[in-house]
Amino acid sequence: MSAALAGRAARVTPGSARDPLDRLRTRERIESIARLRAAARALGDVDVSGWDDDTLTDHLDDLSRVLCALDAELARVADAVRARGFRIAEEPKAA
């Protein structure tokens, strides 16, 4: 092997081809958490207590569908965390 090839071979490390993919996955995970935080902030801005009964009645079907969809997605993510043996930090510990 020539000295030039040996020098290049010494710089190649196992897994270096995966580094860009690992960085992409890390960025996707960070962005996922950011989207969850944004969703929580958006929900915090919703206050139906100020809606009159007619408005609430008019939007109840849509509101119900959205709330059920949110509940299902939150449960799915939380269940996936628990299935890995982790506990959601703010949940009370099981008795």
C-alpha atoms as a PDB file:
ATOM      1  CA  MET A   1       0.000   0.000   0.000  1.00  0.00           C
ATOM      2  CA  SER A   2       1.325   3.422  -0.886  1.00  0.00           C
ATOM      3  CA  ALA A   3       1.925   6.057   1.778  1.00  0.00           C
ATOM      4  CA  ALA A   4      -0.910   8.173   0.324  1.00  0.00           C
ATOM      5  CA  LEU A   5      -3.385   5.288   0.566  1.00  0.00           C
ATOM      6  CA  ALA A   6      -2.225   4.384   4.056  1.00  0.00           C
ATOM      7  CA  GLY A   7      -2.724   7.984   5.183  1.00  0.00           C
ATOM      8  CA  ARG A   8      -6.257   8.063   3.810  1.00  0.00           C
ATOM      9  CA  ALA A   9      -7.100   4.673   5.261  1.00  0.00           C
ATOM     10  CA  ALA A  10      -5.958   5.790   8.695  1.00  0.00           C
ATOM     11  CA  ARG A  11      -8.440   8.658   8.648  1.00  0.00           C
ATOM     12  CA  VAL A  12     -11.463   6.494   7.834  1.00  0.00           C
ATOM     13  CA  THR A  13     -13.145   5.362  10.997  1.00  0.00           C
ATOM     14  CA  PRO A  14     -15.791   2.694  11.376  1.00  0.00           C
ATOM     15  CA  GLY A  15     -19.222   4.221  11.336  1.00  0.00           C
ATOM     16  CA  SER A  16     -18.122   7.472   9.749  1.00  0.00           C
ATOM     17  CA  ALA A  17     -20.501   6.819   6.848  1.00  0.00           C
ATOM     18  CA  ARG A  18     -23.350   6.782   9.384  1.00  0.00           C
ATOM     19  CA  ASP A  19     -22.477  10.124  10.960  1.00  0.00           C
ATOM     20  CA  PRO A  20     -24.588  12.215   8.527  1.00  0.00           C
ATOM     21  CA  LEU A  21     -27.492   9.815   9.030  1.00  0.00           C
ATOM     22  CA  ASP A  22     -27.103   9.963  12.809  1.00  0.00           C
ATOM     23  CA  ARG A  23     -27.061  13.766  12.680  1.00  0.00           C
ATOM     24  CA  LEU A  24     -30.202  13.719  10.530  1.00  0.00           C
ATOM     25  CA  ARG A  25     -31.972  11.407  12.960  1.00  0.00           C
ATOM     26  CA  THR A  26     -30.918  13.562  15.910  1.00  0.00           C
ATOM     27  CA  ARG A  27     -32.225  16.681  14.171  1.00  0.00           C
ATOM     28  CA  GLU A  28     -35.513  14.896  13.381  1.00  0.00           C
ATOM     29  CA  ARG A  29     -35.869  13.891  17.039  1.00  0.00           C
ATOM     30  CA  ILE A  30     -35.195  17.429  18.233  1.00  0.00           C
ATOM     31  CA  GLU A  31     -37.714  18.766  15.713  1.00  0.00           C
ATOM     32  CA  SER A  32     -40.278  16.195  16.897  1.00  0.00           C
ATOM     33  CA  ILE A  33     -39.946  17.419  20.471  1.00  0.00           C
ATOM     34  CA  ALA A  34     -40.206  21.025  19.265  1.00  0.00           C
ATOM     35  CA  ARG A  35     -43.444  20.156  17.435  1.00  0.00           C
ATOM     36  CA  LEU A  36     -44.836  18.545  20.602  1.00  0.00           C
ATOM     37  CA  ARG A  37     -43.947  21.672  22.582  1.00  0.00           C
ATOM     38  CA  ALA A  38     -45.632  23.856  19.944  1.00  0.00           C
ATOM     39  CA  ALA A  39     -48.750  21.668  20.121  1.00  0.00           C
ATOM     40  CA  ALA A  40     -48.832  22.003  23.904  1.00  0.00           C
ATOM     41  CA  ARG A  41     -48.498  25.799  23.619  1.00  0.00           C
ATOM     42  CA  ALA A  42     -51.289  25.881  21.027  1.00  0.00           C
ATOM     43  CA  LEU A  43     -53.545  23.869  23.320  1.00  0.00           C
ATOM     44  CA  GLY A  44     -52.710  26.239  26.153  1.00  0.00           C
ATOM     45  CA  ASP A  45     -54.117  29.068  24.052  1.00  0.00           C
ATOM     46  CA  VAL A  46     -57.497  27.347  23.687  1.00  0.00           C
ATOM     47  CA  ASP A  47     -60.081  28.514  26.218  1.00  0.00           C
ATOM     48  CA  VAL A  48     -63.622  27.352  25.558  1.00  0.00           C
ATOM     49  CA  SER A  49     -64.839  28.745  28.872  1.00  0.00           C
ATOM     50  CA  GLY A  50     -65.510  32.047  27.128  1.00  0.00           C
ATOM     51  CA  TRP A  51     -67.568  30.472  24.356  1.00  0.00           C
ATOM     52  CA  ASP A  52     -71.301  30.892  24.650  1.00  0.00           C
ATOM     53  CA  ASP A  53     -73.461  27.766  24.570  1.00  0.00           C
ATOM     54  CA  ASP A  54     -74.600  28.330  20.983  1.00  0.00           C
ATOM     55  CA  THR A  55     -71.020  28.607  19.722  1.00  0.00           C
ATOM     56  CA  LEU A  56     -69.957  25.538  21.671  1.00  0.00           C
ATOM     57  CA  THR A  57     -72.965  23.608  20.354  1.00  0.00           C
ATOM     58  CA  ASP A  58     -72.184  24.691  16.775  1.00  0.00           C
ATOM     59  CA  HIS A  59     -68.581  23.473  17.042  1.00  0.00           C
ATOM     60  CA  LEU A  60     -69.051  20.536  19.390  1.00  0.00           C
ATOM     61  CA  ASP A  61     -68.766  17.823  16.726  1.00  0.00           C
ATOM     62  CA  ASP A  62     -65.516  19.241  15.323  1.00  0.00           C
ATOM     63  CA  LEU A  63     -64.147  19.922  18.786  1.00  0.00           C
ATOM     64  CA  SER A  64     -64.989  16.393  19.914  1.00  0.00           C
ATOM     65  CA  ARG A  65     -63.267  14.822  16.890  1.00  0.00           C
ATOM     66  CA  VAL A  66     -60.143  16.905  17.402  1.00  0.00           C
ATOM     67  CA  LEU A  67     -60.004  16.190  21.137  1.00  0.00           C
ATOM     68  CA  CYS A  68     -60.388  12.451  20.526  1.00  0.00           C
ATOM     69  CA  ALA A  69     -57.662  12.512  17.863  1.00  0.00           C
ATOM     70  CA  LEU A  70     -55.329  14.423  20.187  1.00  0.00           C
ATOM     71  CA  ASP A  71     -56.055  12.018  23.023  1.00  0.00           C
ATOM     72  CA  ALA A  72     -55.336   9.012  20.807  1.00  0.00           C
ATOM     73  CA  GLU A  73     -52.039  10.451  19.551  1.00  0.00           C
ATOM     74  CA  LEU A  74     -50.889  11.448  23.032  1.00  0.00           C
ATOM     75  CA  ALA A  75     -51.744   7.978  24.328  1.00  0.00           C
ATOM     76  CA  ARG A  76     -49.868   6.384  21.406  1.00  0.00           C
ATOM     77  CA  VAL A  77     -46.685   8.358  22.104  1.00  0.00           C
ATOM     78  CA  ALA A  78     -46.905   7.832  25.877  1.00  0.00           C
ATOM     79  CA  ASP A  79     -47.583   4.102  25.447  1.00  0.00           C
ATOM     80  CA  ALA A  80     -44.549   3.782  23.165  1.00  0.00           C
ATOM     81  CA  VAL A  81     -42.390   5.406  25.863  1.00  0.00           C
ATOM     82  CA  ARG A  82     -43.833   3.126  28.559  1.00  0.00           C
ATOM     83  CA  ALA A  83     -43.443   0.037  26.346  1.00  0.00           C
ATOM     84  CA  ARG A  84     -39.703   0.711  26.340  1.00  0.00           C
ATOM     85  CA  GLY A  85     -39.732   0.526  30.150  1.00  0.00           C
ATOM     86  CA  PHE A  86     -39.616   4.262  30.826  1.00  0.00           C
ATOM     87  CA  ARG A  87     -41.981   6.273  32.982  1.00  0.00           C
ATOM     88  CA  ILE A  88     -43.389   9.615  31.919  1.00  0.00           C
ATOM     89  CA  ALA A  89     -41.648  11.938  34.396  1.00  0.00           C
ATOM     90  CA  GLU A  90     -44.684  13.892  35.570  1.00  0.00           C
ATOM     91  CA  GLU A  91     -46.836  10.797  36.108  1.00  0.00           C
ATOM     92  CA  PRO A  92     -47.328   9.477  39.617  1.00  0.00           C
ATOM     93  CA  LYS A  93     -45.375   6.329  40.373  1.00  0.00           C
ATOM     94  CA  ALA A  94     -47.384   3.114  40.378  1.00  0.00           C
ATOM     95  CA  ALA A  95     -48.351   1.861  43.828  1.00  0.00           C
END
